[in-house]
Amino acid sequence: MSHDINIYNKIGIILMDMALKNSKFILMRAELSQENDVCKFEFDCIDNENQLKWLTAGNEYGSQLNDLLVELRQFYISQNQPSWKGCEFRVNLETGKYSIDFIYD
């Protein structure tokens, strides 16, 4: 398994653990600092009634996600890919499938 896929899977597992009961989707928006020491997060769930619910990660999940995103960005840079400053990661909780979009300067 590719290193980036392994990181995606770890992020997906954390997000699935964070999701509110009766959620269909969880969405994470993240913005990393250039120094890799700060990450701003936003988390939303969409429930079975298609209502958007906001949630927090808590310190443990936030720290783990920050570390994984730093590792992911460093991996991309090591593969001669451009550095991204943020991402939007979505998990379909019914299927377990995820998608990610990167945000560049």
PDB file of N, CA and C in Angstrom:
ATOM      1  N   MET A   1       0.845  -1.173   0.000  1.00  0.00           N
ATOM      2  CA  MET A   1       0.000   0.000   0.000  1.00  0.00           C
ATOM      3  C   MET A   1       0.893   1.239   0.000  1.00  0.00           C
ATOM      4  N   SER A   2       0.556   2.191  -0.814  1.00  0.00           N
ATOM      5  CA  SER A   2       1.305   3.429  -0.907  1.00  0.00           C
ATOM      6  C   SER A   2       1.238   4.198   0.419  1.00  0.00           C
ATOM      7  N   HIS A   3       2.302   4.931   0.720  1.00  0.00           N
ATOM      8  CA  HIS A   3       2.380   5.672   1.979  1.00  0.00           C
ATOM      9  C   HIS A   3       1.236   6.680   2.115  1.00  0.00           C
ATOM     10  N   ASP A   4       0.896   7.378   1.038  1.00  0.00           N
ATOM     11  CA  ASP A   4      -0.184   8.363   1.131  1.00  0.00           C
ATOM     12  C   ASP A   4      -1.532   7.687   1.389  1.00  0.00           C
ATOM     13  N   ILE A   5      -1.770   6.534   0.796  1.00  0.00           N
ATOM     14  CA  ILE A   5      -3.025   5.807   1.022  1.00  0.00           C
ATOM     15  C   ILE A   5      -3.124   5.375   2.485  1.00  0.00           C
ATOM     16  N   ASN A   6      -2.012   4.962   3.055  1.00  0.00           N
ATOM     17  CA  ASN A   6      -1.970   4.580   4.466  1.00  0.00           C
ATOM     18  C   ASN A   6      -2.356   5.769   5.355  1.00  0.00           C
ATOM     19  N   ILE A   7      -1.845   6.951   5.029  1.00  0.00           N
ATOM     20  CA  ILE A   7      -2.177   8.160   5.788  1.00  0.00           C
ATOM     21  C   ILE A   7      -3.656   8.494   5.617  1.00  0.00           C
ATOM     22  N   TYR A   8      -4.158   8.422   4.385  1.00  0.00           N
ATOM     23  CA  TYR A   8      -5.587   8.677   4.148  1.00  0.00           C
ATOM     24  C   TYR A   8      -6.452   7.751   5.005  1.00  0.00           C
ATOM     25  N   ASN A   9      -6.085   6.481   5.050  1.00  0.00           N
ATOM     26  CA  ASN A   9      -6.857   5.512   5.833  1.00  0.00           C
ATOM     27  C   ASN A   9      -6.861   5.872   7.313  1.00  0.00           C
ATOM     28  N   LYS A  10      -5.712   6.291   7.832  1.00  0.00           N
ATOM     29  CA  LYS A  10      -5.634   6.690   9.245  1.00  0.00           C
ATOM     30  C   LYS A  10      -6.507   7.915   9.520  1.00  0.00           C
ATOM     31  N   ILE A  11      -6.471   8.890   8.619  1.00  0.00           N
ATOM     32  CA  ILE A  11      -7.320  10.075   8.775  1.00  0.00           C
ATOM     33  C   ILE A  11      -8.792   9.663   8.746  1.00  0.00           C
ATOM     34  N   GLY A  12      -9.157   8.802   7.810  1.00  0.00           N
ATOM     35  CA  GLY A  12     -10.533   8.340   7.704  1.00  0.00           C
ATOM     36  C   GLY A  12     -11.013   7.642   8.962  1.00  0.00           C
ATOM     37  N   ILE A  13     -10.168   6.825   9.566  1.00  0.00           N
ATOM     38  CA  ILE A  13     -10.537   6.109  10.794  1.00  0.00           C
ATOM     39  C   ILE A  13     -10.786   7.096  11.932  1.00  0.00           C
ATOM     40  N   ILE A  14      -9.912   8.091  12.056  1.00  0.00           N
ATOM     41  CA  ILE A  14     -10.100   9.104  13.104  1.00  0.00           C
ATOM     42  C   ILE A  14     -11.407   9.846  12.893  1.00  0.00           C
ATOM     43  N   LEU A  15     -11.667  10.261  11.671  1.00  0.00           N
ATOM     44  CA  LEU A  15     -12.897  11.000  11.394  1.00  0.00           C
ATOM     45  C   LEU A  15     -14.128  10.143  11.658  1.00  0.00           C
ATOM     46  N   MET A  16     -14.065   8.870  11.314  1.00  0.00           N
ATOM     47  CA  MET A  16     -15.197   7.978  11.578  1.00  0.00           C
ATOM     48  C   MET A  16     -15.435   7.853  13.083  1.00  0.00           C
ATOM     49  N   ASP A  17     -14.353   7.821  13.862  1.00  0.00           N
ATOM     50  CA  ASP A  17     -14.484   7.768  15.323  1.00  0.00           C
ATOM     51  C   ASP A  17     -15.110   9.042  15.879  1.00  0.00           C
ATOM     52  N   MET A  18     -14.822  10.173  15.259  1.00  0.00           N
ATOM     53  CA  MET A  18     -15.322  11.472  15.726  1.00  0.00           C
ATOM     54  C   MET A  18     -16.786  11.716  15.375  1.00  0.00           C
ATOM     55  N   ALA A  19     -17.260  11.061  14.345  1.00  0.00           N
ATOM     56  CA  ALA A  19     -18.591  11.370  13.793  1.00  0.00           C
ATOM     57  C   ALA A  19     -19.696  11.200  14.819  1.00  0.00           C
ATOM     58  N   LEU A  20     -20.670  12.079  14.722  1.00  0.00           N
ATOM     59  CA  LEU A  20     -21.849  11.998  15.580  1.00  0.00           C
ATOM     60  C   LEU A  20     -22.705  10.798  15.173  1.00  0.00           C
ATOM     61  N   LYS A  21     -23.441  10.255  16.135  1.00  0.00           N
ATOM     62  CA  LYS A  21     -24.357   9.151  15.816  1.00  0.00           C
ATOM     63  C   LYS A  21     -25.363   9.617  14.777  1.00  0.00           C
ATOM     64  N   ASN A  22     -25.800   8.695  13.955  1.00  0.00           N
ATOM     65  CA  ASN A  22     -26.789   8.951  12.903  1.00  0.00           C
ATOM     66  C   ASN A  22     -26.274   9.877  11.806  1.00  0.00           C
ATOM     67  N   SER A  23     -24.953   9.974  11.658  1.00  0.00           N
ATOM     68  CA  SER A  23     -24.367  10.786  10.587  1.00  0.00           C
ATOM     69  C   SER A  23     -24.159   9.941   9.348  1.00  0.00           C
ATOM     70  N   LYS A  24     -24.335  10.589   8.191  1.00  0.00           N
ATOM     71  CA  LYS A  24     -24.073   9.937   6.909  1.00  0.00           C
ATOM     72  C   LYS A  24     -22.704  10.316   6.376  1.00  0.00           C
ATOM     73  N   PHE A  25     -22.289  11.544   6.647  1.00  0.00           N
ATOM     74  CA  PHE A  25     -21.017  12.052   6.150  1.00  0.00           C
ATOM     75  C   PHE A  25     -20.326  12.844   7.250  1.00  0.00           C
ATOM     76  N   ILE A  26     -19.000  12.853   7.207  1.00  0.00           N
ATOM     77  CA  ILE A  26     -18.223  13.772   8.029  1.00  0.00           C
ATOM     78  C   ILE A  26     -17.265  14.498   7.095  1.00  0.00           C
ATOM     79  N   LEU A  27     -17.082  15.768   7.353  1.00  0.00           N
ATOM     80  CA  LEU A  27     -16.245  16.626   6.523  1.00  0.00           C
ATOM     81  C   LEU A  27     -15.233  17.328   7.410  1.00  0.00           C
ATOM     82  N   MET A  28     -13.969  17.284   7.018  1.00  0.00           N
ATOM     83  CA  MET A  28     -12.915  18.004   7.718  1.00  0.00           C
ATOM     84  C   MET A  28     -12.294  19.002   6.750  1.00  0.00           C
ATOM     85  N   ARG A  29     -12.228  20.255   7.169  1.00  0.00           N
ATOM     86  CA  ARG A  29     -11.477  21.273   6.444  1.00  0.00           C
ATOM     87  C   ARG A  29     -10.272  21.599   7.307  1.00  0.00           C
ATOM     88  N   ALA A  30      -9.098  21.596   6.707  1.00  0.00           N
ATOM     89  CA  ALA A  30      -7.872  21.844   7.470  1.00  0.00           C
ATOM     90  C   ALA A  30      -6.963  22.791   6.708  1.00  0.00           C
ATOM     91  N   GLU A  31      -6.310  23.666   7.453  1.00  0.00           N
ATOM     92  CA  GLU A  31      -5.327  24.583   6.883  1.00  0.00           C
ATOM     93  C   GLU A  31      -4.070  24.511   7.733  1.00  0.00           C
ATOM     94  N   LEU A  32      -2.972  24.072   7.113  1.00  0.00           N
ATOM     95  CA  LEU A  32      -1.682  23.922   7.798  1.00  0.00           C
ATOM     96  C   LEU A  32      -0.832  25.175   7.643  1.00  0.00           C
ATOM     97  N   SER A  33      -0.119  25.522   8.708  1.00  0.00           N
ATOM     98  CA  SER A  33       0.839  26.613   8.590  1.00  0.00           C
ATOM     99  C   SER A  33       2.053  26.134   7.803  1.00  0.00           C
ATOM    100  N   GLN A  34       2.783  27.048   7.227  1.00  0.00           N
ATOM    101  CA  GLN A  34       3.994  26.687   6.465  1.00  0.00           C
ATOM    102  C   GLN A  34       5.027  26.028   7.367  1.00  0.00           C
ATOM    103  N   GLU A  35       5.028  26.387   8.654  1.00  0.00           N
ATOM    104  CA  GLU A  35       5.993  25.839   9.606  1.00  0.00           C
ATOM    105  C   GLU A  35       5.574  24.472  10.143  1.00  0.00           C
ATOM    106  N   ASN A  36       4.393  24.003   9.762  1.00  0.00           N
ATOM    107  CA  ASN A  36       3.850  22.709  10.195  1.00  0.00           C
ATOM    108  C   ASN A  36       3.570  22.631  11.696  1.00  0.00           C
ATOM    109  N   ASP A  37       3.456  23.780  12.372  1.00  0.00           N
ATOM    110  CA  ASP A  37       3.244  23.734  13.815  1.00  0.00           C
ATOM    111  C   ASP A  37       1.818  24.079  14.226  1.00  0.00           C
ATOM    112  N   VAL A  38       1.017  24.573  13.298  1.00  0.00           N
ATOM    113  CA  VAL A  38      -0.365  24.945  13.602  1.00  0.00           C
ATOM    114  C   VAL A  38      -1.265  24.460  12.465  1.00  0.00           C
ATOM    115  N   CYS A  39      -2.408  23.914  12.859  1.00  0.00           N
ATOM    116  CA  CYS A  39      -3.402  23.511  11.870  1.00  0.00           C
ATOM    117  C   CYS A  39      -4.765  23.983  12.351  1.00  0.00           C
ATOM    118  N   LYS A  40      -5.474  24.693  11.491  1.00  0.00           N
ATOM    119  CA  LYS A  40      -6.838  25.127  11.791  1.00  0.00           C
ATOM    120  C   LYS A  40      -7.789  24.092  11.207  1.00  0.00           C
ATOM    121  N   PHE A  41      -8.740  23.671  12.024  1.00  0.00           N
ATOM    122  CA  PHE A  41      -9.696  22.656  11.604  1.00  0.00           C
ATOM    123  C   PHE A  41     -11.123  23.170  11.687  1.00  0.00           C
ATOM    124  N   GLU A  42     -11.957  22.656  10.798  1.00  0.00           N
ATOM    125  CA  GLU A  42     -13.410  22.774  10.873  1.00  0.00           C
ATOM    126  C   GLU A  42     -13.966  21.384  10.589  1.00  0.00           C
ATOM    127  N   PHE A  43     -14.954  20.968  11.374  1.00  0.00           N
ATOM    128  CA  PHE A  43     -15.562  19.648  11.203  1.00  0.00           C
ATOM    129  C   PHE A  43     -17.073  19.790  11.130  1.00  0.00           C
ATOM    130  N   ASP A  44     -17.670  19.090  10.199  1.00  0.00           N
ATOM    131  CA  ASP A  44     -19.120  19.049  10.060  1.00  0.00           C
ATOM    132  C   ASP A  44     -19.561  17.616   9.815  1.00  0.00           C
ATOM    133  N   CYS A  45     -20.749  17.299  10.318  1.00  0.00           N
ATOM    134  CA  CYS A  45     -21.403  16.029  10.004  1.00  0.00           C
ATOM    135  C   CYS A  45     -22.725  16.336   9.328  1.00  0.00           C
ATOM    136  N   ILE A  46     -23.133  15.461   8.457  1.00  0.00           N
ATOM    137  CA  ILE A  46     -24.463  15.528   7.861  1.00  0.00           C
ATOM    138  C   ILE A  46     -25.210  14.296   8.356  1.00  0.00           C
ATOM    139  N   ASP A  47     -26.325  14.530   9.033  1.00  0.00           N
ATOM    140  CA  ASP A  47     -27.047  13.417   9.634  1.00  0.00           C
ATOM    141  C   ASP A  47     -28.044  12.788   8.663  1.00  0.00           C
ATOM    142  N   ASN A  48     -28.783  11.800   9.163  1.00  0.00           N
ATOM    143  CA  ASN A  48     -29.738  11.061   8.329  1.00  0.00           C
ATOM    144  C   ASN A  48     -30.865  11.926   7.799  1.00  0.00           C
ATOM    145  N   GLU A  49     -31.074  13.090   8.417  1.00  0.00           N
ATOM    146  CA  GLU A  49     -32.116  14.011   7.961  1.00  0.00           C
ATOM    147  C   GLU A  49     -31.523  15.146   7.129  1.00  0.00           C
ATOM    148  N   ASN A  50     -30.266  14.962   6.682  1.00  0.00           N
ATOM    149  CA  ASN A  50     -29.523  15.936   5.871  1.00  0.00           C
ATOM    150  C   ASN A  50     -29.311  17.268   6.580  1.00  0.00           C
ATOM    151  N   GLN A  51     -29.271  17.232   7.907  1.00  0.00           N
ATOM    152  CA  GLN A  51     -28.978  18.418   8.696  1.00  0.00           C
ATOM    153  C   GLN A  51     -27.472  18.502   8.941  1.00  0.00           C
ATOM    154  N   LEU A  52     -26.926  19.691   8.781  1.00  0.00           N
ATOM    155  CA  LEU A  52     -25.505  19.930   9.004  1.00  0.00           C
ATOM    156  C   LEU A  52     -25.271  20.185  10.486  1.00  0.00           C
ATOM    157  N   LYS A  53     -24.344  19.446  11.073  1.00  0.00           N
ATOM    158  CA  LYS A  53     -24.021  19.582  12.495  1.00  0.00           C
ATOM    159  C   LYS A  53     -22.517  19.849  12.622  1.00  0.00           C
ATOM    160  N   TRP A  54     -22.176  20.833  13.427  1.00  0.00           N
ATOM    161  CA  TRP A  54     -20.796  21.193  13.667  1.00  0.00           C
ATOM    162  C   TRP A  54     -20.258  20.376  14.831  1.00  0.00           C
ATOM    163  N   LEU A  55     -18.974  20.017  14.810  1.00  0.00           N
ATOM    164  CA  LEU A  55     -18.380  19.310  15.938  1.00  0.00           C
ATOM    165  C   LEU A  55     -16.931  19.714  16.105  1.00  0.00           C
ATOM    166  N   THR A  56     -16.362  19.362  17.241  1.00  0.00           N
ATOM    167  CA  THR A  56     -14.951  19.648  17.518  1.00  0.00           C
ATOM    168  C   THR A  56     -14.178  18.350  17.580  1.00  0.00           C
ATOM    169  N   ALA A  57     -12.865  18.469  17.388  1.00  0.00           N
ATOM    170  CA  ALA A  57     -12.013  17.288  17.374  1.00  0.00           C
ATOM    171  C   ALA A  57     -11.530  16.911  18.764  1.00  0.00           C
ATOM    172  N   GLY A  58     -11.386  17.884  19.637  1.00  0.00           N
ATOM    173  CA  GLY A  58     -10.747  17.605  20.914  1.00  0.00           C
ATOM    174  C   GLY A  58      -9.243  17.551  20.725  1.00  0.00           C
ATOM    175  N   ASN A  59      -8.505  17.679  21.799  1.00  0.00           N
ATOM    176  CA  ASN A  59      -7.046  17.768  21.713  1.00  0.00           C
ATOM    177  C   ASN A  59      -6.394  16.524  21.130  1.00  0.00           C
ATOM    178  N   GLU A  60      -6.845  15.344  21.558  1.00  0.00           N
ATOM    179  CA  GLU A  60      -6.213  14.111  21.096  1.00  0.00           C
ATOM    180  C   GLU A  60      -6.373  13.925  19.593  1.00  0.00           C
ATOM    181  N   TYR A  61      -7.609  14.032  19.103  1.00  0.00           N
ATOM    182  CA  TYR A  61      -7.847  13.869  17.670  1.00  0.00           C
ATOM    183  C   TYR A  61      -7.180  14.982  16.873  1.00  0.00           C
ATOM    184  N   GLY A  62      -7.257  16.210  17.369  1.00  0.00           N
ATOM    185  CA  GLY A  62      -6.644  17.336  16.664  1.00  0.00           C
ATOM    186  C   GLY A  62      -5.151  17.150  16.491  1.00  0.00           C
ATOM    187  N   SER A  63      -4.487  16.697  17.535  1.00  0.00           N
ATOM    188  CA  SER A  63      -3.041  16.468  17.477  1.00  0.00           C
ATOM    189  C   SER A  63      -2.699  15.347  16.493  1.00  0.00           C
ATOM    190  N   GLN A  64      -3.467  14.270  16.534  1.00  0.00           N
ATOM    191  CA  GLN A  64      -3.229  13.151  15.614  1.00  0.00           C
ATOM    192  C   GLN A  64      -3.442  13.576  14.166  1.00  0.00           C
ATOM    193  N   LEU A  65      -4.518  14.311  13.920  1.00  0.00           N
ATOM    194  CA  LEU A  65      -4.804  14.767  12.554  1.00  0.00           C
ATOM    195  C   LEU A  65      -3.736  15.739  12.068  1.00  0.00           C
ATOM    196  N   ASN A  66      -3.293  16.638  12.935  1.00  0.00           N
ATOM    197  CA  ASN A  66      -2.225  17.568  12.576  1.00  0.00           C
ATOM    198  C   ASN A  66      -0.986  16.800  12.152  1.00  0.00           C
ATOM    199  N   ASP A  67      -0.574  15.829  12.950  1.00  0.00           N
ATOM    200  CA  ASP A  67       0.625  15.041  12.641  1.00  0.00           C
ATOM    201  C   ASP A  67       0.475  14.305  11.308  1.00  0.00           C
ATOM    202  N   LEU A  68      -0.696  13.734  11.065  1.00  0.00           N
ATOM    203  CA  LEU A  68      -0.924  13.004   9.814  1.00  0.00           C
ATOM    204  C   LEU A  68      -0.913  13.943   8.609  1.00  0.00           C
ATOM    205  N   LEU A  69      -1.487  15.126   8.750  1.00  0.00           N
ATOM    206  CA  LEU A  69      -1.499  16.078   7.632  1.00  0.00           C
ATOM    207  C   LEU A  69      -0.095  16.599   7.338  1.00  0.00           C
ATOM    208  N   VAL A  70       0.692  16.836   8.366  1.00  0.00           N
ATOM    209  CA  VAL A  70       2.087  17.245   8.161  1.00  0.00           C
ATOM    210  C   VAL A  70       2.842  16.140   7.433  1.00  0.00           C
ATOM    211  N   GLU A  71       2.655  14.903   7.889  1.00  0.00           N
ATOM    212  CA  GLU A  71       3.306  13.760   7.245  1.00  0.00           C
ATOM    213  C   GLU A  71       2.875  13.630   5.787  1.00  0.00           C
ATOM    214  N   LEU A  72       1.583  13.834   5.528  1.00  0.00           N
ATOM    215  CA  LEU A  72       1.069  13.734   4.167  1.00  0.00           C
ATOM    216  C   LEU A  72       1.659  14.819   3.271  1.00  0.00           C
ATOM    217  N   ARG A  73       1.699  16.051   3.764  1.00  0.00           N
ATOM    218  CA  ARG A  73       2.261  17.133   2.957  1.00  0.00           C
ATOM    219  C   ARG A  73       3.741  16.890   2.684  1.00  0.00           C
ATOM    220  N   GLN A  74       4.478  16.445   3.699  1.00  0.00           N
ATOM    221  CA  GLN A  74       5.899  16.164   3.498  1.00  0.00           C
ATOM    222  C   GLN A  74       6.103  15.027   2.495  1.00  0.00           C
ATOM    223  N   PHE A  75       5.231  14.034   2.521  1.00  0.00           N
ATOM    224  CA  PHE A  75       5.312  12.956   1.546  1.00  0.00           C
ATOM    225  C   PHE A  75       5.106  13.496   0.133  1.00  0.00           C
ATOM    226  N   TYR A  76       4.090  14.329  -0.051  1.00  0.00           N
ATOM    227  CA  TYR A  76       3.834  14.894  -1.373  1.00  0.00           C
ATOM    228  C   TYR A  76       5.028  15.712  -1.869  1.00  0.00           C
ATOM    229  N   ILE A  77       5.607  16.505  -0.986  1.00  0.00           N
ATOM    230  CA  ILE A  77       6.776  17.306  -1.366  1.00  0.00           C
ATOM    231  C   ILE A  77       7.939  16.392  -1.743  1.00  0.00           C
ATOM    232  N   SER A  78       8.126  15.295  -1.002  1.00  0.00           N
ATOM    233  CA  SER A  78       9.214  14.352  -1.310  1.00  0.00           C
ATOM    234  C   SER A  78       9.013  13.671  -2.661  1.00  0.00           C
ATOM    235  N   GLN A  79       7.767  13.688  -3.160  1.00  0.00           N
ATOM    236  CA  GLN A  79       7.455  13.098  -4.463  1.00  0.00           C
ATOM    237  C   GLN A  79       7.419  14.161  -5.563  1.00  0.00           C
ATOM    238  N   ASN A  80       8.041  15.320  -5.276  1.00  0.00           N
ATOM    239  CA  ASN A  80       8.124  16.452  -6.216  1.00  0.00           C
ATOM    240  C   ASN A  80       6.752  17.015  -6.585  1.00  0.00           C
ATOM    241  N   GLN A  81       5.818  16.926  -5.647  1.00  0.00           N
ATOM    242  CA  GLN A  81       4.502  17.526  -5.821  1.00  0.00           C
ATOM    243  C   GLN A  81       4.512  18.901  -5.168  1.00  0.00           C
ATOM    244  N   PRO A  82       3.680  19.816  -5.626  1.00  0.00           N
ATOM    245  CA  PRO A  82       3.653  21.146  -5.001  1.00  0.00           C
ATOM    246  C   PRO A  82       3.122  21.071  -3.566  1.00  0.00           C
ATOM    247  N   SER A  83       3.602  21.983  -2.754  1.00  0.00           N
ATOM    248  CA  SER A  83       3.149  22.064  -1.370  1.00  0.00           C
ATOM    249  C   SER A  83       1.734  22.631  -1.333  1.00  0.00           C
ATOM    250  N   TRP A  84       0.853  21.984  -0.619  1.00  0.00           N
ATOM    251  CA  TRP A  84      -0.500  22.480  -0.463  1.00  0.00           C
ATOM    252  C   TRP A  84      -0.632  23.097   0.922  1.00  0.00           C
ATOM    253  N   LYS A  85      -1.578  24.025   1.052  1.00  0.00           N
ATOM    254  CA  LYS A  85      -1.732  24.701   2.345  1.00  0.00           C
ATOM    255  C   LYS A  85      -2.915  24.190   3.144  1.00  0.00           C
ATOM    256  N   GLY A  86      -3.789  23.444   2.515  1.00  0.00           N
ATOM    257  CA  GLY A  86      -4.937  22.915   3.227  1.00  0.00           C
ATOM    258  C   GLY A  86      -5.628  21.834   2.428  1.00  0.00           C
ATOM    259  N   CYS A  87      -6.663  21.276   3.023  1.00  0.00           N
ATOM    260  CA  CYS A  87      -7.402  20.223   2.334  1.00  0.00           C
ATOM    261  C   CYS A  87      -8.820  20.144   2.880  1.00  0.00           C
ATOM    262  N   GLU A  88      -9.642  19.463   2.107  1.00  0.00           N
ATOM    263  CA  GLU A  88     -11.004  19.132   2.521  1.00  0.00           C
ATOM    264  C   GLU A  88     -11.133  17.621   2.362  1.00  0.00           C
ATOM    265  N   PHE A  89     -11.378  16.939   3.458  1.00  0.00           N
ATOM    266  CA  PHE A  89     -11.439  15.485   3.497  1.00  0.00           C
ATOM    267  C   PHE A  89     -12.870  15.091   3.861  1.00  0.00           C
ATOM    268  N   ARG A  90     -13.499  14.273   3.012  1.00  0.00           N
ATOM    269  CA  ARG A  90     -14.879  13.847   3.217  1.00  0.00           C
ATOM    270  C   ARG A  90     -14.940  12.324   3.348  1.00  0.00           C
ATOM    271  N   VAL A  91     -15.734  11.862   4.323  1.00  0.00           N
ATOM    272  CA  VAL A  91     -15.925  10.420   4.505  1.00  0.00           C
ATOM    273  C   VAL A  91     -17.426  10.120   4.444  1.00  0.00           C
ATOM    274  N   ASN A  92     -17.789   9.193   3.572  1.00  0.00           N
ATOM    275  CA  ASN A  92     -19.147   8.665   3.522  1.00  0.00           C
ATOM    276  C   ASN A  92     -19.198   7.567   4.577  1.00  0.00           C
ATOM    277  N   LEU A  93     -19.909   7.809   5.655  1.00  0.00           N
ATOM    278  CA  LEU A  93     -19.930   6.874   6.773  1.00  0.00           C
ATOM    279  C   LEU A  93     -20.750   5.620   6.476  1.00  0.00           C
ATOM    280  N   GLU A  94     -21.577   5.674   5.458  1.00  0.00           N
ATOM    281  CA  GLU A  94     -22.368   4.504   5.090  1.00  0.00           C
ATOM    282  C   GLU A  94     -21.544   3.514   4.262  1.00  0.00           C
ATOM    283  N   THR A  95     -20.634   4.029   3.443  1.00  0.00           N
ATOM    284  CA  THR A  95     -19.830   3.156   2.583  1.00  0.00           C
ATOM    285  C   THR A  95     -18.377   3.038   3.039  1.00  0.00           C
ATOM    286  N   GLY A  96     -17.915   3.984   3.859  1.00  0.00           N
ATOM    287  CA  GLY A  96     -16.519   4.003   4.282  1.00  0.00           C
ATOM    288  C   GLY A  96     -15.589   4.618   3.256  1.00  0.00           C
ATOM    289  N   LYS A  97     -16.139   5.105   2.148  1.00  0.00           N
ATOM    290  CA  LYS A  97     -15.309   5.707   1.104  1.00  0.00           C
ATOM    291  C   LYS A  97     -15.010   7.157   1.458  1.00  0.00           C
ATOM    292  N   TYR A  98     -13.836   7.615   1.021  1.00  0.00           N
ATOM    293  CA  TYR A  98     -13.436   8.980   1.308  1.00  0.00           C
ATOM    294  C   TYR A  98     -12.918   9.663   0.060  1.00  0.00           C
ATOM    295  N   SER A  99     -12.851  10.998   0.133  1.00  0.00           N
ATOM    296  CA  SER A  99     -12.250  11.772  -0.940  1.00  0.00           C
ATOM    297  C   SER A  99     -11.532  12.964  -0.297  1.00  0.00           C
ATOM    298  N   ILE A 100     -10.558  13.482  -1.014  1.00  0.00           N
ATOM    299  CA  ILE A 100      -9.782  14.614  -0.513  1.00  0.00           C
ATOM    300  C   ILE A 100      -9.505  15.582  -1.652  1.00  0.00           C
ATOM    301  N   ASP A 101      -9.623  16.858  -1.350  1.00  0.00           N
ATOM    302  CA  ASP A 101      -9.264  17.915  -2.279  1.00  0.00           C
ATOM    303  C   ASP A 101      -8.242  18.789  -1.581  1.00  0.00           C
ATOM    304  N   PHE A 102      -7.170  19.140  -2.299  1.00  0.00           N
ATOM    305  CA  PHE A 102      -6.120  19.966  -1.720  1.00  0.00           C
ATOM    306  C   PHE A 102      -6.318  21.421  -2.121  1.00  0.00           C
ATOM    307  N   ILE A 103      -5.888  22.311  -1.256  1.00  0.00           N
ATOM    308  CA  ILE A 103      -5.963  23.746  -1.472  1.00  0.00           C
ATOM    309  C   ILE A 103      -4.539  24.260  -1.593  1.00  0.00           C
ATOM    310  N   TYR A 104      -4.270  24.945  -2.676  1.00  0.00           N
ATOM    311  CA  TYR A 104      -2.941  25.491  -2.933  1.00  0.00           C
ATOM    312  C   TYR A 104      -2.985  27.012  -2.817  1.00  0.00           C
ATOM    313  N   ASP A 105      -1.818  27.612  -2.629  1.00  0.00           N
ATOM    314  CA  ASP A 105      -1.757  29.081  -2.554  1.00  0.00           C
ATOM    315  C   ASP A 105      -2.290  29.738  -3.772  1.00  0.00           C
TER     316      ASP A 105
END
